[in-house]
């Protein structure tokens, strides 16, 4: 049985900006292509059931589920409030319903803008 753990790795902001830039350029160039022979097949997933959304969340796959953890946002009234960092973990299973579930597991501390990797 697989064990999935969350570990935090700090990345200089310049590296994060480069990684984000590369991801966005790949995503937009691939998404713009309607060529059916493309090796990438994009499917829109259901929205996370959090009306404000999150910036800088950690994400990855574990046991055939998409895992979405942490992140930050500005609670209402937006931009005039203190930034909120989250410790919750959401999962999206690959079953027929494709619904987000709030996990009973939480991050050890509210976390956002971290780099992640799989071993």
Foldseek 3Di string as FASTA:
>chain_A
DDDDDDDFDADPPVVVVVVVVVVVVVVVVVVVDPDPVDPDDDDDADDDPDVFDFAQWDWDDDPQKIKTAWGWAAPPVGPVGDIDIAFWMWIFHPDPVRDIDTDPDTHPDRDGNTDDDDD
